[in-house]
Protein backbone atom coordinates (compact mmCIF):
# COMPACT_ATOMS: atom_id res chain seq x y z
CA MET A 1 -89.91 15.16 -120.94
CA ASN A 2 -93.39 16.66 -120.62
CA LYS A 3 -96.30 14.89 -122.25
CA GLU A 4 -99.78 16.04 -123.09
CA GLN A 5 -102.66 13.90 -121.91
CA PRO A 6 -106.42 14.38 -121.86
CA LYS A 7 -107.97 15.38 -118.53
CA ASN A 8 -111.64 16.28 -118.15
CA ASN A 9 -111.86 16.83 -121.93
CA LYS A 10 -109.02 19.33 -121.73
CA THR A 11 -105.36 19.02 -122.68
CA VAL A 12 -103.07 18.99 -119.64
CA ILE A 13 -99.32 19.35 -119.98
CA LYS A 14 -97.95 16.63 -117.75
CA ARG A 15 -95.13 17.85 -115.51
CA ASN A 16 -93.01 16.47 -112.70
CA PHE A 17 -93.51 18.07 -109.28
CA LEU A 18 -91.24 17.54 -106.27
CA ILE A 19 -92.58 18.72 -102.90
CA ILE A 20 -90.06 19.30 -100.11
CA SER A 21 -92.15 19.46 -96.94
CA ARG A 22 -91.16 20.37 -93.40
CA TRP A 23 -94.03 18.62 -91.60
CA GLY A 24 -96.04 16.91 -94.33
CA GLU A 25 -98.61 19.73 -94.37
CA THR A 26 -99.02 19.75 -98.16
CA LEU A 27 -100.46 16.26 -98.67
CA ASP A 28 -103.76 17.72 -99.90
CA LEU A 29 -101.90 19.92 -102.37
CA ALA A 30 -99.91 16.93 -103.58
CA LEU A 31 -103.09 14.93 -104.19
CA ALA A 32 -104.66 17.81 -106.12
CA ILE A 33 -101.63 18.01 -108.42
CA LEU A 34 -101.63 14.23 -108.90
CA ASN A 35 -105.35 14.19 -109.72
CA GLU A 36 -104.73 16.75 -112.45
CA GLY A 37 -102.56 14.19 -114.27
CA HIS A 38 -99.06 15.23 -113.23
CA GLU A 39 -96.27 13.12 -111.75
CA LEU A 40 -95.34 13.91 -108.15
CA LYS A 41 -92.87 12.88 -105.45
CA MET A 42 -92.89 14.08 -101.84
CA TYR A 43 -90.17 14.39 -99.20
CA ILE A 44 -90.91 15.09 -95.51
CA GLU A 45 -88.09 16.46 -93.37
CA ASP A 46 -89.56 15.84 -89.89
CA LYS A 47 -88.96 12.18 -88.97
CA PRO A 48 -92.09 11.66 -86.80
CA SER A 49 -94.17 12.99 -89.72
CA ARG A 50 -92.73 10.83 -92.47
CA GLU A 51 -95.54 8.30 -92.43
CA ILE A 52 -97.91 11.06 -93.59
CA GLY A 53 -98.91 10.47 -97.21
CA TYR A 54 -98.10 6.74 -97.21
CA GLY A 55 -100.45 5.06 -99.67
CA PHE A 56 -101.49 8.43 -101.15
CA VAL A 57 -98.36 9.71 -102.90
CA LYS A 58 -94.90 8.51 -103.87
CA LYS A 59 -92.45 9.34 -101.07
CA VAL A 60 -88.67 9.85 -101.36
CA ARG A 61 -85.97 9.73 -98.68
CA ASP A 62 -83.49 12.13 -100.29
CA TRP A 63 -85.12 14.91 -102.30
CA LYS A 64 -81.79 16.12 -103.72
CA LYS A 65 -81.50 12.95 -105.81
CA HIS A 66 -84.71 13.89 -107.64
CA VAL A 67 -83.96 17.53 -108.50
CA ALA A 68 -82.98 16.72 -112.10
CA TRP A 69 -86.26 14.78 -112.53
CA ALA A 70 -88.44 17.66 -111.32
CA ASP A 71 -89.89 20.34 -113.56
CA VAL A 72 -91.16 22.29 -110.52
CA LEU A 73 -89.91 22.14 -106.92
CA ILE A 74 -92.25 23.25 -104.12
CA PHE A 75 -90.88 24.12 -100.66
CA ASP A 76 -93.79 24.38 -98.24
CA TYR A 77 -92.16 26.18 -95.31
CA THR A 78 -89.77 28.95 -94.35
CA GLY A 79 -86.09 28.30 -93.74
CA TYR A 80 -85.25 27.02 -97.22
CA GLY A 81 -84.56 30.45 -98.76
CA LYS A 82 -80.86 29.92 -99.45
CA ILE A 83 -81.49 26.50 -101.02
CA CYS A 84 -84.27 27.94 -103.19
CA ALA A 85 -81.97 30.69 -104.45
CA GLU A 86 -79.27 28.14 -105.35
CA LEU A 87 -81.76 26.02 -107.29
CA ARG A 88 -83.09 29.07 -109.17
CA ALA A 89 -79.51 29.96 -110.09
CA GLN A 90 -79.24 26.48 -111.63
CA GLY A 91 -82.26 27.24 -113.81
CA LYS A 92 -84.84 25.27 -111.81
CA LEU A 93 -88.44 26.44 -111.37
CA VAL A 94 -89.03 26.81 -107.63
CA ILE A 95 -92.01 27.73 -105.46
CA GLY A 96 -90.36 28.91 -102.28
CA GLY A 97 -88.78 31.72 -100.35
CA THR A 98 -85.55 33.67 -100.22
CA GLU A 99 -83.24 34.49 -97.32
CA TYR A 100 -84.99 37.87 -97.17
CA SER A 101 -88.49 36.43 -96.99
CA ASP A 102 -87.38 33.86 -94.39
CA LEU A 103 -86.24 36.70 -92.15
CA LEU A 104 -89.53 38.57 -92.61
CA GLU A 105 -91.32 35.68 -90.91
CA LEU A 106 -88.77 34.14 -88.57
CA ASP A 107 -87.17 37.30 -87.16
CA ARG A 108 -89.98 39.45 -85.77
CA ASN A 109 -87.73 42.46 -85.22
CA PHE A 110 -86.44 42.30 -88.79
CA GLY A 111 -90.03 42.12 -90.07
CA GLN A 112 -91.05 45.14 -88.02
CA ASP A 113 -87.97 47.09 -89.15
CA GLU A 114 -88.76 46.31 -92.79
CA LEU A 115 -92.32 47.54 -92.33
CA LYS A 116 -90.96 50.84 -91.00
CA LYS A 117 -88.45 51.08 -93.88
CA HIS A 118 -91.32 50.69 -96.33
CA GLY A 119 -93.23 53.55 -94.69
CA ILE A 120 -95.81 51.41 -92.93
CA LYS A 121 -97.11 52.32 -89.48
CA ILE A 122 -96.48 49.62 -86.86
CA LEU A 123 -97.44 48.99 -83.27
CA PRO A 124 -94.82 49.75 -80.60
CA SER A 125 -92.87 46.61 -79.70
CA LYS A 126 -89.69 45.67 -77.88
CA GLU A 127 -87.49 42.57 -78.00
CA PHE A 128 -86.34 40.80 -74.84
CA PHE A 129 -83.86 38.05 -74.11
CA ASN A 130 -84.86 37.34 -70.52
CA PHE A 131 -88.10 37.45 -68.57
CA GLN A 132 -87.06 39.78 -65.76
CA ASP A 133 -86.20 42.61 -68.16
CA ALA A 134 -89.63 42.20 -69.77
CA ILE A 135 -91.37 42.21 -66.37
CA ASP A 136 -89.53 45.37 -65.36
CA TYR A 137 -90.48 46.99 -68.67
CA VAL A 138 -94.20 46.30 -68.20
CA LYS A 139 -94.06 47.64 -64.64
CA SER A 140 -92.43 50.85 -65.91
CA ASN A 141 -94.74 51.11 -68.94
CA PRO A 142 -98.15 49.78 -67.81
CA ASN A 143 -100.37 48.89 -70.75
CA SER A 144 -101.95 45.87 -72.43
CA TYR A 145 -99.43 43.75 -74.35
CA VAL A 146 -99.08 40.64 -76.47
CA ILE A 147 -96.26 38.15 -75.73
CA LYS A 148 -94.85 36.89 -79.03
CA PRO A 149 -92.11 34.22 -79.05
CA SER A 150 -89.53 34.55 -81.83
CA GLY A 151 -87.41 32.06 -83.75
CA GLU A 152 -88.23 28.36 -83.38
CA THR A 153 -90.22 28.90 -80.18
CA GLN A 154 -92.92 30.71 -82.16
CA GLU A 155 -93.96 27.32 -83.55
CA TYR A 156 -95.50 26.65 -80.10
CA LYS A 157 -98.63 28.69 -80.76
CA GLN A 158 -99.98 28.10 -77.25
CA LEU A 159 -97.15 30.30 -75.90
CA LEU A 160 -98.48 33.41 -77.64
CA PHE A 161 -100.41 35.33 -75.00
CA VAL A 162 -102.78 38.25 -75.61
CA GLY A 163 -103.15 40.35 -72.49
CA ASN A 164 -106.41 42.02 -71.48
CA ASP A 165 -105.40 44.00 -68.41
CA ASP A 166 -104.82 47.72 -69.15
CA GLU A 167 -101.87 47.78 -66.74
CA GLY A 168 -100.30 44.56 -68.02
CA LEU A 169 -100.72 42.65 -64.76
CA ASP A 170 -101.86 39.48 -66.58
CA VAL A 171 -98.80 39.68 -68.86
CA ILE A 172 -96.50 39.94 -65.83
CA ARG A 173 -98.09 36.82 -64.30
CA VAL A 174 -97.64 34.86 -67.53
CA LEU A 175 -94.02 36.01 -67.92
CA LYS A 176 -93.28 34.81 -64.37
CA ALA A 177 -94.90 31.45 -65.17
CA TYR A 178 -92.86 31.11 -68.40
CA GLU A 179 -89.67 31.91 -66.46
CA LYS A 180 -90.34 29.06 -64.04
CA SER A 181 -91.34 26.54 -66.70
CA TRP A 182 -88.94 27.44 -69.52
CA GLY A 183 -85.95 29.10 -67.84
CA ASN A 184 -83.29 30.01 -70.39
CA ASP A 185 -84.69 27.71 -73.10
CA PHE A 186 -87.44 30.11 -74.20
CA GLY A 187 -85.25 32.23 -76.46
CA ASN A 188 -85.93 35.82 -77.43
CA PHE A 189 -89.45 37.22 -77.62
CA GLN A 190 -91.37 40.42 -78.24
CA LEU A 191 -93.81 42.44 -76.21
CA GLN A 192 -96.11 44.22 -78.62
CA ARG A 193 -98.63 46.88 -77.70
CA LYS A 194 -102.16 45.53 -78.01
CA VAL A 195 -104.86 47.42 -79.91
CA LYS A 196 -108.52 46.59 -80.41
CA GLY A 197 -110.11 46.12 -83.82
CA VAL A 198 -110.69 43.50 -86.50
CA GLU A 199 -107.96 40.91 -87.05
CA VAL A 200 -107.60 40.26 -90.77
CA SER A 201 -104.86 39.06 -93.08
CA VAL A 202 -104.26 39.87 -96.72
CA SER A 203 -102.13 37.71 -98.99
CA ALA A 204 -101.15 37.44 -102.61
CA TYR A 205 -99.03 35.17 -104.78
CA PHE A 206 -95.75 36.52 -106.18
CA ASN A 207 -94.15 35.29 -109.41
CA GLY A 208 -90.59 36.48 -108.77
CA LYS A 209 -91.28 39.89 -110.26
CA GLU A 210 -94.74 41.08 -109.21
CA PHE A 211 -97.86 40.20 -107.28
CA ILE A 212 -100.49 38.14 -109.06
CA TYR A 213 -104.14 39.09 -108.64
CA PRO A 214 -106.73 38.67 -107.21
CA ILE A 215 -105.85 39.24 -103.55
CA ASN A 216 -106.98 36.91 -100.79
CA VAL A 217 -108.55 38.32 -97.60
CA THR A 218 -108.65 35.87 -94.68
CA PHE A 219 -110.18 35.91 -91.20
CA GLU A 220 -108.40 33.41 -88.95
CA HIS A 221 -109.92 31.61 -85.96
CA LYS A 222 -106.97 30.76 -83.71
CA LYS A 223 -108.48 29.73 -80.40
CA LEU A 224 -109.33 26.11 -79.65
CA PHE A 225 -112.98 26.64 -78.72
CA PRO A 226 -115.89 28.58 -80.28
CA LYS A 227 -116.28 32.27 -79.40
CA GLU A 228 -112.48 32.60 -79.19
CA LEU A 229 -112.12 30.68 -75.94
CA GLY A 230 -109.22 28.48 -74.87
CA ILE A 231 -105.59 28.48 -75.91
CA SER A 232 -104.11 29.69 -79.17
CA THR A 233 -103.66 26.76 -81.55
CA GLY A 234 -102.15 28.57 -84.50
CA GLU A 235 -105.36 27.88 -86.39
CA MET A 236 -108.67 26.06 -86.10
CA GLY A 237 -110.19 27.35 -89.33
CA SER A 238 -110.65 30.41 -91.52
CA SER A 239 -113.14 32.28 -93.63
CA MET A 240 -112.04 34.19 -96.73
CA PHE A 241 -112.82 35.80 -100.05
CA TRP A 242 -110.90 36.90 -103.15
CA THR A 243 -110.91 40.49 -104.39
CA LYS A 244 -109.24 42.50 -107.15
CA ASP A 245 -108.80 45.52 -104.84
CA SER A 246 -107.93 45.87 -101.17
CA PRO A 247 -106.99 49.05 -99.29
CA ILE A 248 -105.25 46.88 -96.67
CA PHE A 249 -103.12 45.18 -99.35
CA ASP A 250 -102.25 48.52 -100.96
CA ALA A 251 -101.15 49.93 -97.59
CA THR A 252 -98.96 46.94 -96.70
CA LEU A 253 -97.84 44.11 -99.02
CA LYS A 254 -97.98 46.13 -102.25
CA LYS A 255 -95.14 48.29 -100.90
CA PHE A 256 -92.88 45.21 -100.73
CA GLU A 257 -93.07 44.40 -104.45
CA LYS A 258 -89.61 45.74 -105.34
CA SER A 259 -87.96 44.20 -102.27
CA LEU A 260 -89.41 40.77 -103.04
CA ALA A 261 -88.42 41.03 -106.71
CA LYS A 262 -84.76 41.67 -105.80
CA GLY A 263 -84.41 38.15 -104.44
CA GLY A 264 -86.82 36.49 -106.86
CA PHE A 265 -89.31 35.36 -104.22
CA VAL A 266 -91.93 32.94 -105.61
CA GLY A 267 -94.93 31.91 -103.57
CA GLN A 268 -97.45 33.44 -101.23
CA LEU A 269 -96.82 36.33 -98.85
CA ASP A 270 -99.37 37.01 -96.13
CA ILE A 271 -99.52 39.78 -93.54
CA ASN A 272 -101.73 39.60 -90.49
CA CYS A 273 -103.11 42.93 -89.27
CA ILE A 274 -105.29 44.58 -86.67
CA VAL A 275 -107.37 47.30 -88.28
CA ASN A 276 -109.65 49.92 -86.73
CA GLY A 277 -110.90 53.44 -87.31
CA ASN A 278 -107.42 54.83 -86.65
CA GLY A 279 -105.57 52.78 -89.21
CA ILE A 280 -103.98 49.49 -90.27
CA TYR A 281 -101.48 47.87 -87.91
CA PRO A 282 -99.45 44.97 -89.39
CA LEU A 283 -98.61 42.23 -86.89
CA GLU A 284 -96.57 39.53 -88.64
CA PHE A 285 -95.64 38.00 -91.98
CA THR A 286 -96.16 34.49 -93.29
CA ALA A 287 -93.77 34.09 -96.21
CA ARG A 288 -95.05 30.69 -97.42
CA PHE A 289 -98.31 28.78 -97.69
CA GLY A 290 -100.54 29.36 -94.70
CA TYR A 291 -102.15 26.35 -93.04
CA PRO A 292 -105.07 25.78 -93.38
CA GLN A 293 -105.30 28.86 -95.62
CA ILE A 294 -103.94 27.09 -98.72
CA TYR A 295 -106.60 24.34 -98.59
CA ILE A 296 -109.46 26.82 -98.23
CA GLN A 297 -107.94 28.92 -100.99
CA ARG A 298 -107.84 25.84 -103.20
CA ALA A 299 -111.60 25.43 -102.69
CA GLY A 300 -111.98 28.88 -104.27
CA ILE A 301 -109.46 28.45 -107.10
CA VAL A 302 -111.14 26.97 -110.16
CA GLU A 303 -108.12 26.50 -112.41
CA PRO A 304 -105.79 23.48 -112.07
CA ILE A 305 -103.50 24.22 -109.13
CA GLY A 306 -100.51 22.45 -110.72
CA ASN A 307 -100.79 24.63 -113.80
CA MET A 308 -101.13 27.72 -111.62
CA PHE A 309 -97.95 26.86 -109.71
CA TYR A 310 -96.05 26.20 -112.91
CA LYS A 311 -97.01 29.62 -114.29
CA LEU A 312 -96.06 31.24 -110.96
CA ALA A 313 -92.64 29.56 -110.84
CA ALA A 314 -92.01 30.40 -114.51
CA GLY A 315 -92.62 34.09 -113.81
CA GLU A 316 -95.67 34.38 -116.05
CA HIS A 317 -98.10 37.28 -115.73
CA PHE A 318 -101.65 35.99 -115.30
CA LYS A 319 -104.78 36.28 -113.20
CA ILE A 320 -105.91 33.47 -110.92
CA ASN A 321 -109.34 32.16 -111.86
CA VAL A 322 -111.39 32.10 -108.63
CA ARG A 323 -114.97 31.62 -107.45
CA LYS A 324 -117.17 34.52 -106.50
CA GLY A 325 -118.38 34.67 -102.93
CA PHE A 326 -116.81 33.10 -99.85
CA GLN A 327 -114.87 30.07 -98.69
CA VAL A 328 -114.71 28.65 -95.16
CA GLY A 329 -112.87 25.74 -93.64
CA ALA A 330 -112.49 24.02 -90.27
CA TYR A 331 -109.89 21.61 -88.95
CA MET A 332 -111.16 18.29 -87.57
CA VAL A 333 -108.66 17.30 -84.88
CA VAL A 334 -108.10 14.56 -82.30
CA PRO A 335 -106.08 14.29 -79.05
CA PRO A 336 -103.56 15.61 -78.12
CA PHE A 337 -104.04 18.60 -80.46
CA PRO A 338 -102.89 21.36 -80.01
CA PHE A 339 -100.27 19.82 -77.72
CA GLU A 340 -97.57 17.26 -78.43
CA ASP A 341 -97.91 14.17 -76.28
CA LYS A 342 -96.74 10.94 -77.89
CA LYS A 343 -98.39 8.71 -75.28
CA SER A 344 -101.80 10.42 -75.63
CA PHE A 345 -101.60 10.36 -79.41
CA GLU A 346 -100.82 6.65 -79.50
CA LEU A 347 -103.51 5.89 -76.91
CA PHE A 348 -106.40 7.90 -78.40
CA SER A 349 -105.64 8.71 -82.03
CA LYS A 350 -102.90 6.84 -83.89
CA ASP A 351 -104.27 4.71 -86.75
CA SER A 352 -107.86 5.81 -86.03
CA VAL A 353 -109.94 5.29 -89.15
CA ILE A 354 -111.90 8.04 -90.89
CA VAL A 355 -115.36 6.83 -91.87
CA PHE A 356 -117.60 8.48 -94.48
CA LYS A 357 -121.35 7.91 -94.15
CA LYS A 358 -121.67 8.56 -97.89
CA GLU A 359 -118.76 8.18 -100.29
CA MET A 360 -118.45 11.93 -100.95
CA LYS A 361 -115.00 13.47 -100.55
CA GLU A 362 -115.34 16.82 -102.31
CA GLY A 363 -114.18 19.59 -99.98
CA ILE A 364 -112.43 17.03 -97.74
CA HIS A 365 -108.73 17.82 -97.47
CA PRO A 366 -106.57 15.03 -95.96
CA MET A 367 -104.01 16.28 -93.47
CA HIS A 368 -101.88 13.97 -91.33
CA LEU A 369 -103.12 10.74 -92.84
CA LYS A 370 -101.95 7.54 -94.48
CA LYS A 371 -103.95 5.13 -96.64
CA VAL A 372 -104.01 1.39 -95.90
CA ASN A 373 -106.21 -0.97 -97.95
CA GLY A 374 -108.19 2.02 -99.19
CA GLU A 375 -108.94 3.33 -95.68
CA TRP A 376 -107.79 6.73 -94.38
CA LEU A 377 -105.92 6.41 -91.06
CA ILE A 378 -104.59 9.15 -88.77
CA THR A 379 -100.80 9.26 -88.44
CA GLY A 380 -98.04 11.78 -87.69
CA ASN A 381 -98.00 13.09 -84.13
CA THR A 382 -100.11 16.24 -83.90
CA GLY A 383 -103.69 14.99 -84.23
CA ILE A 384 -104.73 17.08 -87.27
CA ALA A 385 -106.96 14.73 -89.27
CA LEU A 386 -108.85 16.74 -91.89
CA MET A 387 -109.59 20.20 -93.17
CA VAL A 388 -113.19 20.47 -94.40
CA SER A 389 -114.08 23.39 -96.68
CA GLY A 390 -117.24 24.93 -98.08
CA THR A 391 -117.97 27.60 -100.68
CA GLY A 392 -120.94 29.82 -101.43
CA LEU A 393 -122.11 33.18 -102.75
CA THR A 394 -122.81 34.19 -99.15
CA MET A 395 -120.91 33.35 -95.99
CA LYS A 396 -123.91 31.42 -94.65
CA ASP A 397 -124.06 29.34 -97.85
CA ALA A 398 -120.38 28.47 -97.47
CA GLN A 399 -120.85 27.59 -93.79
CA ARG A 400 -123.85 25.39 -94.60
CA MET A 401 -121.87 23.43 -97.19
CA MET A 402 -118.94 22.96 -94.81
CA LYS A 403 -121.18 21.79 -91.95
CA ASN A 404 -123.00 19.32 -94.21
CA ARG A 405 -119.68 17.83 -95.25
CA ILE A 406 -118.50 17.60 -91.62
CA GLY A 407 -121.74 15.81 -90.76
CA ASN A 408 -120.84 13.08 -93.26
CA ILE A 409 -117.63 12.18 -91.38
CA ILE A 410 -117.14 9.89 -88.38
CA ILE A 411 -113.85 10.11 -86.44
CA ASN A 412 -113.49 8.79 -82.91
CA ASN A 413 -112.67 11.51 -80.31
CA VAL A 414 -112.88 14.30 -82.92
CA TYR A 415 -113.39 17.98 -82.08
CA TYR A 416 -113.63 21.14 -84.17
CA ARG A 417 -114.89 24.73 -84.17
CA THR A 418 -118.56 25.12 -85.10
CA ASP A 419 -118.49 28.91 -85.53
CA ILE A 420 -116.00 29.49 -88.37
CA GLY A 421 -117.34 32.47 -90.32
CA ASP A 422 -119.80 33.66 -87.64
CA ARG A 423 -117.79 36.86 -87.07
CA TRP A 424 -118.23 37.96 -90.68
CA SER A 425 -121.40 40.06 -90.25
CA ASP A 426 -119.83 42.18 -87.49
CA ASP A 427 -116.42 42.33 -89.19
CA PHE A 428 -118.00 43.38 -92.47
CA ASP A 429 -119.90 46.26 -90.86
CA ARG A 430 -116.80 47.60 -89.17
CA LEU A 431 -114.46 47.18 -92.14
CA TRP A 432 -117.00 48.82 -94.42
CA SER A 433 -117.47 51.79 -92.09
CA TRP A 434 -113.67 52.26 -91.93
CA GLY A 435 -113.37 52.15 -95.75
CA LEU A 436 -111.22 49.02 -95.71
CA LEU A 437 -113.25 46.76 -98.02
């Protein structure tokens, strides 16, 4: 039964939230909901990640036993679409995908086909099931390409390769190397034609019937080192802003409104694009929370996030109350990130303590951590310690706030990008000149 209780001089309807997490990525979200006065339980599917959240939130070993207790269930990853649909059919309020939205993200060919069906221009791409066929294709069709693993292999972000050679010679070399190192275990993959421009993603929350405004526009920083050097990590940080109008959104995600409503999708849908003077070229979908996107978004959302998720799952029509200006965020990571190496993690990072020079934790988003005797310790197995965010009316203001907060933190062997948001001035000029802002 829901109870009302005072919170910050406001009345908060106390609800029960159950988070079903694949990797424990939503610890920060769980803490935000708890701090708003709600009850919360968290389940983590991945066994090596199950220590994440210890000491912070109440953990459960079998989430299905707590479904009746929960007012809202939150699934934080793709692959749960069928389960989400079954729970909705039972009358439960669920933040999570559908079988359709799962396919949009996990099956690259399906996603590209759906873009074409919805009248959206896409880049030429071709699916392959073995390396030699792909090598022969590049030799017969010389051009610059991007190698994109599909299915479960796409979780290994370092395998995504963006070619620079106009004849595809670098792509051929990488394909030969993958063949030797992976053999038949690589699975299917795509070769997608590469184009130059600004990489930008647009996303919006969907309440089962329609998109909720405003729209979020995000600029991801995927490489390990500043100035886009090193391997692809999936993400090292992002800069973003909220807007009520976006030509990129109108040309892409908006066209999926009816298709998403058919299955009752509830959550966030994001599409990553390359845009230039010739048009908008969608690359891939994320049909769930983006990481670290959701934490940086939260820095810009000024209404209680638990209340927002309840309204979303209940199918209410509303507008998200957000800050003006910009938000930025950077991951603070430790070895072996972005690789998985149990021995290195245990040697350099496991149980390392996070020290704050001053006891200020605003804008500090705990990631793969546990709490012991009040201290934050690194756990899990990936080496992602914190996400640190900043906000401001200008991008430089937001960057300054983020860097000041990072400077207050001591973590042994830590590394992070120092240039998150630096691309904005150039990206803004180009997007503005192309009429895409």
